[in-house]
Amino acid sequence: MTRAMAETAMNEAIAQMCSSSGYDVIIVCTSNQHMEDYWQQRLEMGKGEIAPKEGMVVAVHEDWDGGAGNGLGTLYAFQKADKKAKAEGKKSIVQMMEEGSSVALYHTAGKGTRMAPIPAAENNNKPGVKLPSLVSIGQNEELLTILEAVVIQTSIYAERSKGRLAVYWGDQVFVPTAQYNTPATHHADILAQLGAMPNEEEWKEHGLDKYGLIATNQEGDAAQVEKVDYATAQEILKGLSPTKVGVSLGSFSVSAALLNALMEEYSTELQAKKGKFDTDPHWWMPLTLGNEAYVDLMVKKGTPKEEAETHHARMAAFKSSFEGAGGLAGGKKLFGAVGVGPSTGEASPYWWDYGQLKYYQKYNLLATENSREAAALRTFLKITKRIDEKSAAAAGPPKGACCIDGNSIVLDSKLRKGKVEGSVVARCKIGDIQVENSVLVNVTAKKVTGKNLVLYNVCDDSEEGLILADGEVRADCFLECASEGTKKKIVLNSNIETDGGKAWKERLPNNDHSFEEANKANSTANVLASDQFRSQEHLRVSMDHGMDD
């Protein structure tokens, strides 16, 4: 496949993503009741643009001490969503799937340490972080969230997921170059960047020993291998005779039959809400690798040998029972892979990762470029004009007092005067702006000056405004805790080079809270109420600065 052919395929995929089709049922698994309430309301209101107008949305939260892991967590979230749907008088999701409906489940848990401090400004609602795209949510025009972008992107797999549960994680958007509407041939399949089986030199060159990998043979059967050198991979996979190998995306789908079997296998853990099992080490690896290879890998990962042997025996018995009970009837085999395109070369997919602070800046600024990939991103984000009509009308007075270069993206913003170069400015009200190569989302201030900035939900009521050093990052957290009867604002400063995970427990300069302390403060916040509190504060400050006259 030439690059021109790959770009044509990706543009066609984006057109399909933006067609408002998608899954019949969308389940969102969140971390607490406030998050559940937020996403239930938000996605219900976004039907017709984010999700199919006639589709079902069910948000749940994982109330499982210590976490269930993404394997058990998937089973528990599906089970809980089915119960919630029936309790609300809706049709059983189990029944819908068995009748051929497509069901998608999105996991949204996680602190977002690598994105810090931005998730704190959304009250720990990491998938609620906004992108420069305006969408209709109910009667209002709102900025697109990362989760909504993932829902839109993954909608192209809905047709092949009829009668299946598809499971996704919500901080990356990719555009496949491979066919996405191929029929399912296996009871479980996993998305992967598949390419030709490399030789030992290529294995080392691409650093494949550092990733969880999927290998497939000519028949499409797959095996999961976990961070191994070339020689070990060859030994483990010798029975498979792999023709393709690539990095696993983690996202997968399972048939109704396999899902029901897994529910039955783990019924004791689900009923007691005890245990922790992840998909890769506890499902796919023991189901596709022999006992010796599996135990050896798990021991290297720190699992006691006896525990690894016991678990492999459990999954081997499960596999035998599933296949013996007619699980492979109808021609479907057990485990396969769905390629999205190779990780390198002419046919590699577009990959927009918003899961780290530096990537959030990078892929938002990508929209300002003049490349074919940037044009594709703007199409996906539905940016038809670099400066939308609202912002163009508000770039003054007098007209033209704010100079915006031809590359910048400015959406739903009021900028009185200044200069914007190579930047993304979304839903901002700023009296005097002088920024370059910066990302500003929902910023209200009298003045903002700086380069390479990331400002998120910033509401500054000072007269002097914000004069910032190169690469500064700021996120403002508005918290309303109904149970405590309190409202407060926390300002978090950082730098684009700061790794939020490594600095998680530190109080960085000019901060009264560490990222961890802000996360804990947000844990009791009512997300919907805090969102309203933030909007009220932005309105108050914009009026004080004369931005709403």
Protein backbone atom coordinates (compact mmCIF):
# COMPACT_ATOMS: atom_id res chain seq x y z
CA MET A 1 0.00 0.00 0.00
CA THR A 2 1.40 3.39 -1.01
CA ARG A 3 1.06 6.40 1.27
CA ALA A 4 -1.44 7.95 -1.12
CA MET A 5 -3.60 4.81 -0.90
CA ALA A 6 -3.29 4.81 2.89
CA GLU A 7 -4.36 8.44 3.10
CA THR A 8 -7.37 7.76 0.88
CA ALA A 9 -8.37 4.85 3.11
CA MET A 10 -8.03 6.99 6.24
CA ASN A 11 -10.06 9.86 4.78
CA GLU A 12 -12.83 7.39 3.92
CA ALA A 13 -12.67 6.02 7.47
CA ILE A 14 -12.98 9.52 8.94
CA ALA A 15 -16.02 10.20 6.76
CA GLN A 16 -17.60 7.04 8.17
CA MET A 17 -16.72 8.09 11.73
CA CYS A 18 -18.49 11.42 11.24
CA SER A 19 -21.66 9.84 9.82
CA SER A 20 -23.45 9.63 13.21
CA SER A 21 -23.71 5.83 12.97
CA GLY A 22 -22.31 3.65 15.70
CA TYR A 23 -23.05 1.13 18.43
CA ASP A 24 -26.58 0.21 19.43
CA VAL A 25 -25.56 0.27 23.10
CA ILE A 26 -22.83 2.37 24.70
CA ILE A 27 -21.68 1.49 28.22
CA VAL A 28 -19.30 3.81 30.08
CA CYS A 29 -17.52 2.49 33.15
CA THR A 30 -16.50 5.31 35.50
CA SER A 31 -14.83 5.54 38.90
CA ASN A 32 -17.61 6.95 41.10
CA GLN A 33 -21.29 7.94 41.22
CA HIS A 34 -20.62 11.59 40.31
CA MET A 35 -18.77 10.51 37.15
CA GLU A 36 -21.57 8.08 36.31
CA ASP A 37 -24.16 10.87 36.61
CA TYR A 38 -22.04 13.21 34.46
CA TRP A 39 -21.54 10.78 31.59
CA GLN A 40 -25.11 9.49 31.67
CA GLN A 41 -26.37 13.03 31.19
CA ARG A 42 -23.68 14.15 28.76
CA LEU A 43 -23.96 11.21 26.37
CA GLU A 44 -27.77 11.14 26.49
CA MET A 45 -27.74 14.79 25.44
CA GLY A 46 -25.17 14.05 22.72
CA LYS A 47 -27.27 11.45 20.91
CA GLY A 48 -27.49 12.18 17.22
CA GLU A 49 -23.99 13.64 17.08
CA ILE A 50 -21.78 11.62 19.40
CA ALA A 51 -23.84 8.43 19.42
CA PRO A 52 -26.75 7.14 17.32
CA LYS A 53 -29.96 9.01 18.02
CA GLU A 54 -31.87 5.81 18.80
CA GLY A 55 -29.03 4.14 20.69
CA MET A 56 -28.95 3.23 24.38
CA VAL A 57 -26.50 4.85 26.80
CA VAL A 58 -25.76 3.31 30.20
CA ALA A 59 -23.12 4.76 32.53
CA VAL A 60 -22.02 2.79 35.60
CA HIS A 61 -19.23 3.02 38.15
CA GLU A 62 -16.91 0.35 39.51
CA ASP A 63 -17.50 0.00 43.26
CA TRP A 64 -14.94 -2.76 43.74
CA ASP A 65 -12.38 -2.50 46.55
CA GLY A 66 -8.88 -2.40 45.10
CA GLY A 67 -10.16 -2.47 41.51
CA ALA A 68 -11.26 -5.49 39.51
CA GLY A 69 -8.67 -5.21 36.74
CA ASN A 70 -9.74 -4.62 33.15
CA GLY A 71 -10.80 -8.26 32.69
CA LEU A 72 -13.07 -8.70 35.70
CA GLY A 73 -13.86 -4.99 35.46
CA THR A 74 -15.30 -5.55 31.97
CA LEU A 75 -17.52 -8.40 33.15
CA TYR A 76 -18.67 -6.44 36.21
CA ALA A 77 -19.41 -3.26 34.23
CA PHE A 78 -21.41 -5.21 31.63
CA GLN A 79 -23.34 -7.05 34.35
CA LYS A 80 -24.04 -3.82 36.22
CA ALA A 81 -25.11 -2.00 33.04
CA ASP A 82 -27.56 -4.78 32.19
CA LYS A 83 -29.10 -4.58 35.67
CA LYS A 84 -29.35 -0.77 35.48
CA ALA A 85 -30.99 -0.88 32.05
CA LYS A 86 -33.62 -3.38 33.20
CA ALA A 87 -34.23 -1.45 36.45
CA GLU A 88 -34.98 1.66 34.35
CA GLY A 89 -37.47 -0.21 32.18
CA LYS A 90 -35.11 -0.56 29.23
CA LYS A 91 -34.49 -3.74 27.30
CA SER A 92 -31.95 -6.23 28.63
CA ILE A 93 -28.51 -5.58 27.08
CA VAL A 94 -27.79 -9.31 27.26
CA GLN A 95 -30.91 -10.00 25.22
CA MET A 96 -30.13 -7.21 22.75
CA MET A 97 -26.65 -8.56 22.11
CA GLU A 98 -27.92 -12.11 21.69
CA GLU A 99 -30.41 -10.73 19.14
CA GLY A 100 -27.58 -9.13 17.17
CA SER A 101 -27.17 -5.63 18.62
CA SER A 102 -23.68 -4.14 18.83
CA VAL A 103 -22.47 -3.15 22.30
CA ALA A 104 -19.43 -1.04 23.19
CA LEU A 105 -17.94 -0.56 26.64
CA TYR A 106 -15.52 2.27 27.40
CA HIS A 107 -13.25 2.12 30.44
CA THR A 108 -12.49 5.60 31.80
CA ALA A 109 -10.83 4.92 35.16
CA GLY A 110 -7.32 6.12 35.98
CA LYS A 111 -5.84 9.19 37.60
CA GLY A 112 -4.27 10.58 34.44
CA THR A 113 -0.93 11.21 36.14
CA ARG A 114 0.87 11.65 32.81
CA MET A 115 -1.65 14.34 31.82
CA ALA A 116 -1.38 16.23 35.11
CA PRO A 117 -2.45 18.86 35.90
CA ILE A 118 -5.19 18.95 33.21
CA PRO A 119 -7.48 16.14 34.51
CA ALA A 120 -7.66 17.90 37.89
CA ALA A 121 -9.31 20.84 36.13
CA GLU A 122 -12.08 18.42 35.10
CA ASN A 123 -12.49 17.15 38.70
CA ASN A 124 -10.48 13.98 37.92
CA ASN A 125 -12.74 13.33 34.94
CA LYS A 126 -9.83 12.44 32.63
CA PRO A 127 -12.00 11.42 29.65
CA GLY A 128 -13.85 14.74 30.06
CA VAL A 129 -10.80 16.77 28.99
CA LYS A 130 -11.78 18.98 26.07
CA LEU A 131 -10.49 19.20 22.50
CA PRO A 132 -10.78 22.05 19.96
CA SER A 133 -14.02 20.91 18.39
CA LEU A 134 -17.54 22.25 18.81
CA VAL A 135 -20.41 19.76 19.01
CA SER A 136 -24.11 19.95 19.82
CA ILE A 137 -24.89 18.64 23.30
CA GLY A 138 -28.61 19.06 23.86
CA GLN A 139 -29.49 22.67 23.05
CA ASN A 140 -25.94 23.93 23.56
CA GLU A 141 -22.73 24.00 21.61
CA GLU A 142 -19.94 22.48 23.70
CA LEU A 143 -16.30 21.49 23.28
CA LEU A 144 -15.78 17.84 22.39
CA THR A 145 -14.37 15.61 25.14
CA ILE A 146 -11.64 13.03 24.59
CA LEU A 147 -14.06 10.20 25.41
CA GLU A 148 -16.57 11.50 22.88
CA ALA A 149 -13.80 11.63 20.27
CA VAL A 150 -13.02 7.97 21.02
CA VAL A 151 -16.73 7.04 20.80
CA ILE A 152 -16.93 8.72 17.38
CA GLN A 153 -13.68 7.12 16.18
CA THR A 154 -14.53 3.58 17.30
CA SER A 155 -18.01 3.77 15.77
CA ILE A 156 -16.61 2.37 12.52
CA TYR A 157 -16.25 -1.03 14.21
CA ALA A 158 -19.94 -1.19 15.18
CA GLU A 159 -21.08 -3.09 12.10
CA ARG A 160 -18.60 -5.95 12.65
CA SER A 161 -19.58 -6.00 16.34
CA LYS A 162 -23.19 -7.08 15.83
CA GLY A 163 -23.86 -9.65 18.53
CA ARG A 164 -20.61 -8.78 20.28
CA LEU A 165 -19.23 -6.66 23.11
CA ALA A 166 -16.39 -4.35 22.05
CA VAL A 167 -14.18 -2.90 24.80
CA TYR A 168 -12.13 0.28 24.46
CA TRP A 169 -9.94 2.60 26.49
CA GLY A 170 -10.52 6.31 26.15
CA ASP A 171 -7.51 8.55 25.51
CA GLN A 172 -6.27 7.77 21.99
CA VAL A 173 -7.75 8.28 18.54
CA PHE A 174 -6.44 6.26 15.60
CA VAL A 175 -7.49 6.12 11.98
CA PRO A 176 -6.94 2.65 10.48
CA THR A 177 -5.47 2.02 7.07
CA ALA A 178 -6.61 -1.61 7.18
CA GLN A 179 -10.20 -2.66 6.51
CA TYR A 180 -12.36 -2.05 9.58
CA ASN A 181 -15.66 -3.62 8.48
CA THR A 182 -14.46 -7.19 8.00
CA PRO A 183 -16.72 -9.85 9.58
CA ALA A 184 -15.66 -11.31 12.91
CA THR A 185 -14.04 -14.74 12.53
CA HIS A 186 -13.10 -15.43 16.17
CA HIS A 187 -14.96 -15.42 19.47
CA ALA A 188 -12.39 -12.94 20.78
CA ASP A 189 -10.30 -10.55 18.73
CA ILE A 190 -7.95 -7.74 19.64
CA LEU A 191 -6.92 -4.60 17.79
CA ALA A 192 -3.24 -4.51 16.84
CA GLN A 193 -0.75 -2.72 14.61
CA LEU A 194 0.11 -5.76 12.51
CA GLY A 195 2.97 -5.94 10.04
CA ALA A 196 5.12 -8.61 8.45
CA MET A 197 6.96 -10.86 10.90
CA PRO A 198 10.33 -9.11 11.41
CA ASN A 199 13.75 -10.71 11.56
CA GLU A 200 15.90 -10.46 14.68
CA GLU A 201 17.57 -7.20 13.60
CA GLU A 202 14.21 -5.54 12.85
CA TRP A 203 12.80 -6.83 16.17
CA LYS A 204 15.59 -5.00 18.01
CA GLU A 205 15.45 -1.92 15.78
CA HIS A 206 11.74 -1.35 16.46
CA GLY A 207 12.08 -2.14 20.16
CA LEU A 208 9.44 -4.88 20.01
CA ASP A 209 10.85 -6.41 23.19
CA LYS A 210 9.33 -3.48 25.10
CA TYR A 211 5.69 -4.05 24.10
CA GLY A 212 2.82 -6.45 24.57
CA LEU A 213 2.55 -8.03 21.14
CA ILE A 214 0.04 -9.95 19.07
CA ALA A 215 1.23 -12.52 16.54
CA THR A 216 -1.01 -14.08 13.87
CA ASN A 217 -0.63 -16.94 11.39
CA GLN A 218 -1.99 -17.34 7.86
CA GLU A 219 -5.32 -18.63 9.18
CA GLY A 220 -5.77 -15.51 11.31
CA ASP A 221 -5.31 -17.28 14.65
CA ALA A 222 -3.46 -15.13 17.17
CA ALA A 223 -1.38 -15.40 20.32
CA GLN A 224 -0.44 -12.82 22.93
CA VAL A 225 3.24 -12.46 23.81
CA GLU A 226 4.46 -10.13 26.49
CA LYS A 227 7.72 -8.12 26.26
CA VAL A 228 10.17 -10.77 25.13
CA ASP A 229 13.33 -10.86 23.01
CA TYR A 230 13.31 -12.31 19.50
CA ALA A 231 14.65 -15.73 20.43
CA THR A 232 12.08 -16.14 23.21
CA ALA A 233 9.27 -15.06 20.89
CA GLN A 234 10.37 -17.58 18.26
CA GLU A 235 10.37 -20.36 20.87
CA ILE A 236 6.98 -19.40 22.28
CA LEU A 237 5.35 -19.01 18.87
CA LYS A 238 6.90 -21.96 17.05
CA GLY A 239 3.59 -23.85 17.05
CA LEU A 240 1.75 -20.85 15.60
CA SER A 241 4.07 -20.19 12.60
CA PRO A 242 3.39 -16.44 12.72
CA THR A 243 3.28 -14.37 9.54
CA LYS A 244 2.43 -11.04 11.17
CA VAL A 245 3.28 -9.44 14.47
CA GLY A 246 2.60 -6.06 16.02
CA VAL A 247 1.84 -3.97 19.06
CA SER A 248 -1.45 -4.71 20.80
CA LEU A 249 -3.83 -1.78 21.28
CA GLY A 250 -5.51 -3.60 24.17
CA SER A 251 -9.01 -2.95 22.82
CA PHE A 252 -10.90 -6.15 22.05
CA SER A 253 -14.29 -7.64 21.25
CA VAL A 254 -15.93 -10.89 22.35
CA SER A 255 -18.94 -12.83 21.12
CA ALA A 256 -22.07 -13.18 23.23
CA ALA A 257 -21.25 -16.87 23.68
CA LEU A 258 -17.74 -16.23 25.01
CA LEU A 259 -18.91 -13.34 27.20
CA ASN A 260 -21.58 -15.56 28.79
CA ALA A 261 -19.00 -18.29 29.36
CA LEU A 262 -16.59 -15.86 31.02
CA MET A 263 -19.43 -14.54 33.20
CA GLU A 264 -20.13 -18.07 34.35
CA GLU A 265 -16.44 -18.89 34.91
CA TYR A 266 -15.94 -15.82 37.10
CA SER A 267 -19.38 -15.81 38.75
CA THR A 268 -17.92 -16.41 42.22
CA GLU A 269 -15.59 -13.40 41.97
CA LEU A 270 -18.35 -11.23 40.48
CA GLN A 271 -20.81 -12.08 43.22
CA ALA A 272 -18.29 -11.47 46.02
CA LYS A 273 -16.64 -8.48 44.25
CA LYS A 274 -13.27 -10.03 45.08
CA GLY A 275 -10.21 -10.63 42.93
CA LYS A 276 -8.34 -8.78 40.22
CA PHE A 277 -7.79 -10.12 36.69
CA ASP A 278 -6.55 -8.28 33.60
CA THR A 279 -7.23 -9.34 30.02
CA ASP A 280 -3.69 -9.78 28.71
CA PRO A 281 -1.99 -11.79 31.50
CA HIS A 282 -5.10 -13.58 32.78
CA TRP A 283 -7.17 -14.25 29.65
CA TRP A 284 -5.40 -13.93 26.31
CA MET A 285 -1.97 -15.24 27.33
CA PRO A 286 -3.14 -18.42 29.13
CA LEU A 287 -5.72 -19.07 26.39
CA THR A 288 -3.14 -18.84 23.58
CA LEU A 289 0.16 -19.99 25.14
CA GLY A 290 1.23 -23.36 26.46
CA ASN A 291 1.67 -23.93 30.18
CA GLU A 292 5.47 -23.80 30.17
CA ALA A 293 5.72 -20.60 28.11
CA TYR A 294 2.98 -18.89 30.10
CA VAL A 295 4.38 -19.81 33.52
CA ASP A 296 7.88 -18.73 32.50
CA LEU A 297 6.64 -15.31 31.35
CA MET A 298 4.48 -14.75 34.42
CA VAL A 299 7.32 -15.69 36.78
CA LYS A 300 9.53 -13.14 35.01
CA LYS A 301 6.77 -10.58 35.65
CA GLY A 302 6.83 -11.38 39.37
CA THR A 303 3.99 -13.90 39.71
CA PRO A 304 4.72 -16.90 41.95
CA LYS A 305 5.16 -20.07 39.88
CA GLU A 306 2.44 -22.02 41.67
CA GLU A 307 -0.06 -19.18 41.15
CA ALA A 308 0.76 -18.99 37.44
CA GLU A 309 0.42 -22.76 37.02
CA THR A 310 -2.93 -22.78 38.84
CA HIS A 311 -4.31 -19.97 36.70
CA HIS A 312 -3.15 -21.54 33.44
CA ALA A 313 -4.83 -24.79 34.46
CA ARG A 314 -8.04 -22.88 35.20
CA MET A 315 -8.08 -21.18 31.80
CA ALA A 316 -7.11 -24.40 30.00
CA ALA A 317 -10.10 -26.10 31.59
CA PHE A 318 -12.28 -23.16 30.65
CA LYS A 319 -11.08 -23.32 27.04
CA SER A 320 -11.69 -27.06 26.84
CA SER A 321 -15.17 -26.68 28.34
CA PHE A 322 -16.08 -23.80 26.00
CA GLU A 323 -14.93 -25.64 22.89
CA GLY A 324 -16.47 -28.92 24.05
CA ALA A 325 -19.84 -27.29 24.69
CA GLY A 326 -20.03 -26.17 21.07
CA GLY A 327 -18.32 -22.83 21.55
CA LEU A 328 -16.58 -23.17 18.17
CA ALA A 329 -19.78 -24.08 16.33
CA GLY A 330 -20.62 -21.90 13.34
CA GLY A 331 -17.04 -21.73 12.13
CA LYS A 332 -15.72 -19.17 14.61
CA LYS A 333 -12.35 -19.92 16.16
CA LEU A 334 -11.24 -18.78 19.59
CA PHE A 335 -8.77 -15.87 19.38
CA GLY A 336 -7.75 -13.61 16.51
CA ALA A 337 -6.63 -10.08 15.73
CA VAL A 338 -7.97 -7.11 13.81
CA GLY A 339 -5.20 -5.14 12.15
CA VAL A 340 -5.36 -1.36 12.05
CA GLY A 341 -2.25 -1.07 9.88
CA PRO A 342 1.46 -1.49 10.64
CA SER A 343 3.26 0.64 13.22
CA THR A 344 5.78 1.89 10.65
CA GLY A 345 5.98 2.41 6.90
CA GLU A 346 3.76 3.82 4.18
CA ALA A 347 0.60 2.09 5.45
CA SER A 348 0.89 3.22 9.10
CA PRO A 349 -2.28 4.79 10.58
CA TYR A 350 -2.76 8.26 11.95
CA TRP A 351 -2.43 8.07 15.73
CA TRP A 352 -3.50 10.96 17.94
CA ASP A 353 -2.61 10.26 21.57
CA TYR A 354 -4.00 12.63 24.22
CA GLY A 355 -2.90 10.53 27.21
CA GLN A 356 0.16 12.60 28.14
CA LEU A 357 0.58 16.34 28.70
CA LYS A 358 3.21 16.77 25.99
CA TYR A 359 1.07 14.76 23.57
CA TYR A 360 -2.02 16.79 24.44
CA GLN A 361 -0.08 19.86 23.34
CA LYS A 362 1.47 18.13 20.31
CA TYR A 363 -1.70 16.71 18.80
CA ASN A 364 -3.78 19.81 19.43
CA LEU A 365 -1.12 21.90 17.70
CA LEU A 366 -1.09 19.38 14.84
CA ALA A 367 -4.42 20.93 13.78
CA THR A 368 -2.60 24.19 12.94
CA GLU A 369 -0.27 22.57 10.41
CA ASN A 370 -0.69 22.35 6.64
CA SER A 371 0.03 18.65 6.21
CA ARG A 372 -2.42 16.04 4.93
CA GLU A 373 -2.56 14.51 8.40
CA ALA A 374 -3.42 17.90 9.90
CA ALA A 375 -6.20 18.33 7.34
CA ALA A 376 -7.53 14.89 8.28
CA LEU A 377 -7.49 15.83 11.97
CA ARG A 378 -9.39 19.04 11.26
CA THR A 379 -11.98 17.02 9.31
CA PHE A 380 -12.34 14.60 12.22
CA LEU A 381 -12.74 17.52 14.65
CA LYS A 382 -15.21 19.17 12.25
CA ILE A 383 -13.10 22.33 12.04
CA THR A 384 -14.35 23.79 8.76
CA LYS A 385 -12.79 27.22 9.29
CA ARG A 386 -9.58 27.98 11.17
CA ILE A 387 -11.31 31.00 12.69
CA ASP A 388 -15.00 30.33 13.22
CA GLU A 389 -17.63 32.99 12.64
CA LYS A 390 -18.17 33.75 16.33
CA SER A 391 -14.47 34.38 16.88
CA ALA A 392 -14.06 36.41 13.69
CA ALA A 393 -16.91 38.67 14.72
CA ALA A 394 -15.39 39.13 18.18
CA ALA A 395 -11.79 39.87 17.09
CA GLY A 396 -12.02 43.52 18.09
CA PRO A 397 -13.26 46.17 18.55
CA PRO A 398 -12.08 47.82 16.45
CA LYS A 399 -12.29 45.14 13.82
CA GLY A 400 -8.95 43.43 13.32
CA ALA A 401 -7.44 44.64 16.60
CA CYS A 402 -6.46 41.02 17.27
CA CYS A 403 -4.12 39.68 14.60
CA ILE A 404 -4.56 35.93 14.08
CA ASP A 405 -2.17 34.23 11.66
CA GLY A 406 -3.31 31.89 8.92
CA ASN A 407 -2.32 28.72 10.75
CA SER A 408 -3.98 29.22 14.13
CA ILE A 409 -7.27 27.60 15.13
CA VAL A 410 -9.62 29.94 17.03
CA LEU A 411 -13.05 28.63 18.05
CA ASP A 412 -15.88 30.33 19.94
CA SER A 413 -13.51 32.93 21.41
CA LYS A 414 -13.51 36.65 22.10
CA LEU A 415 -10.03 38.19 21.75
CA ARG A 416 -9.96 41.99 22.06
CA LYS A 417 -6.44 42.74 20.85
CA GLY A 418 -3.01 41.21 20.43
CA LYS A 419 -1.46 38.52 18.27
CA VAL A 420 -2.00 34.75 17.92
CA GLU A 421 0.62 32.70 16.05
CA GLY A 422 0.52 28.96 15.36
CA SER A 423 -1.79 28.35 18.30
CA VAL A 424 -5.07 26.69 19.25
CA VAL A 425 -7.52 28.91 21.14
CA ALA A 426 -10.88 27.38 22.03
CA ARG A 427 -13.68 29.01 24.04
CA CYS A 428 -11.50 31.80 25.46
CA LYS A 429 -12.23 35.39 26.49
CA ILE A 430 -9.01 37.38 26.66
CA GLY A 431 -8.55 41.15 26.55
CA ASP A 432 -4.94 41.24 25.35
CA ILE A 433 -3.40 38.05 23.93
CA GLN A 434 0.18 37.55 22.75
CA VAL A 435 0.76 33.81 22.27
CA GLU A 436 2.79 31.56 20.01
CA ASN A 437 2.74 27.76 19.56
CA SER A 438 0.31 27.48 22.47
CA VAL A 439 -2.88 25.63 23.42
CA LEU A 440 -5.51 27.61 25.32
CA VAL A 441 -8.79 25.92 26.21
CA ASN A 442 -11.53 27.71 28.18
CA VAL A 443 -9.35 30.60 29.38
CA THR A 444 -10.72 33.86 30.77
CA ALA A 445 -8.20 36.59 31.57
CA LYS A 446 -7.44 40.26 31.04
CA LYS A 447 -4.08 39.41 29.48
CA VAL A 448 -2.14 36.32 28.37
CA THR A 449 1.42 36.44 27.05
CA GLY A 450 3.78 33.52 26.35
CA LYS A 451 5.12 30.81 24.05
CA ASN A 452 4.62 27.04 24.05
CA LEU A 453 1.92 27.34 26.71
CA VAL A 454 -0.83 24.97 27.76
CA LEU A 455 -3.58 26.78 29.66
CA TYR A 456 -6.67 24.77 30.57
CA ASN A 457 -9.83 26.02 32.33
CA VAL A 458 -7.85 29.03 33.55
CA CYS A 459 -9.89 31.84 35.09
CA ASP A 460 -7.66 34.77 36.11
CA ASP A 461 -9.27 37.84 37.69
CA SER A 462 -6.07 39.86 38.18
CA GLU A 463 -5.61 43.26 36.58
CA GLU A 464 -2.08 42.48 35.38
CA GLY A 465 -3.11 39.24 33.70
CA LEU A 466 -0.79 36.34 32.92
CA ILE A 467 2.76 36.93 31.65
CA LEU A 468 4.19 33.43 31.47
CA ALA A 469 7.56 31.81 30.90
CA ASP A 470 8.26 29.59 27.90
CA GLY A 471 6.47 26.22 28.20
CA GLU A 472 4.38 27.08 31.25
CA VAL A 473 1.30 25.02 32.00
CA ARG A 474 -1.63 26.03 34.19
CA ALA A 475 -4.92 24.37 35.04
CA ASP A 476 -7.56 25.77 37.42
CA CYS A 477 -9.73 23.39 39.43
CA PHE A 478 -13.19 24.48 40.59
CA LEU A 479 -14.63 22.21 43.24
CA GLU A 480 -18.12 22.08 44.66
CA CYS A 481 -18.55 19.44 47.33
CA ALA A 482 -22.23 19.29 48.25
CA SER A 483 -21.62 16.90 51.15
CA GLU A 484 -19.23 19.42 52.69
CA GLY A 485 -21.12 22.52 51.57
CA THR A 486 -17.93 24.07 50.15
CA LYS A 487 -16.75 25.73 46.95
CA LYS A 488 -13.10 26.40 46.23
CA LYS A 489 -10.57 26.94 43.48
CA ILE A 490 -7.16 25.28 43.21
CA VAL A 491 -4.54 26.64 40.80
CA LEU A 492 -1.99 24.12 39.50
CA ASN A 493 1.13 25.31 37.69
CA SER A 494 3.58 23.11 35.83
CA ASN A 495 5.82 23.01 32.75
CA ILE A 496 5.44 21.14 29.48
CA GLU A 497 8.62 19.18 30.27
CA THR A 498 7.36 18.04 33.70
CA ASP A 499 6.29 14.41 33.95
CA GLY A 500 3.15 14.46 36.08
CA GLY A 501 3.65 10.86 37.15
CA LYS A 502 7.14 11.50 38.50
CA ALA A 503 6.10 14.80 40.11
CA TRP A 504 2.77 13.44 41.38
CA LYS A 505 3.54 13.86 45.09
CA GLU A 506 5.58 17.08 44.82
CA ARG A 507 4.36 20.61 45.38
CA LEU A 508 5.74 22.32 42.32
CA PRO A 509 6.73 26.03 42.44
CA ASN A 510 3.80 28.44 42.99
CA ASN A 511 1.45 25.59 43.91
CA ASP A 512 -0.35 25.13 47.23
CA HIS A 513 -1.18 21.53 46.33
CA SER A 514 0.65 18.60 44.79
CA PHE A 515 -1.08 16.86 41.91
CA GLU A 516 -1.90 14.02 44.30
CA GLU A 517 -3.43 16.43 46.84
CA ALA A 518 -5.54 18.04 44.11
CA ASN A 519 -6.67 14.59 43.01
CA LYS A 520 -7.77 13.77 46.57
CA ALA A 521 -9.56 17.12 46.93
CA ASN A 522 -11.42 16.37 43.69
CA SER A 523 -12.48 12.90 44.86
CA THR A 524 -15.51 14.29 46.74
CA ALA A 525 -16.43 16.91 44.16
CA ASN A 526 -19.81 16.80 42.43
CA VAL A 527 -18.73 16.89 38.77
CA LEU A 528 -21.95 18.42 37.41
CA ALA A 529 -22.15 21.03 40.20
CA SER A 530 -18.45 21.86 39.86
CA ASP A 531 -18.91 22.30 36.12
CA GLN A 532 -21.66 24.84 36.78
CA PHE A 533 -19.53 26.59 39.43
CA ARG A 534 -16.66 26.89 36.91
CA SER A 535 -18.98 28.37 34.27
CA GLN A 536 -20.30 30.93 36.74
CA GLU A 537 -16.79 32.02 37.70
CA HIS A 538 -15.74 32.42 34.06
CA LEU A 539 -18.82 34.53 33.40
CA ARG A 540 -18.18 36.69 36.47
CA VAL A 541 -14.54 37.36 35.54
CA SER A 542 -15.32 38.03 31.88
CA MET A 543 -17.92 40.60 32.90
CA ASP A 544 -15.48 42.20 35.35
CA HIS A 545 -12.96 42.52 32.52
CA GLY A 546 -15.58 43.94 30.16
CA MET A 547 -15.53 40.92 27.87
CA ASP A 548 -19.30 40.42 27.85
CA ASP A 549 -20.45 43.95 27.18
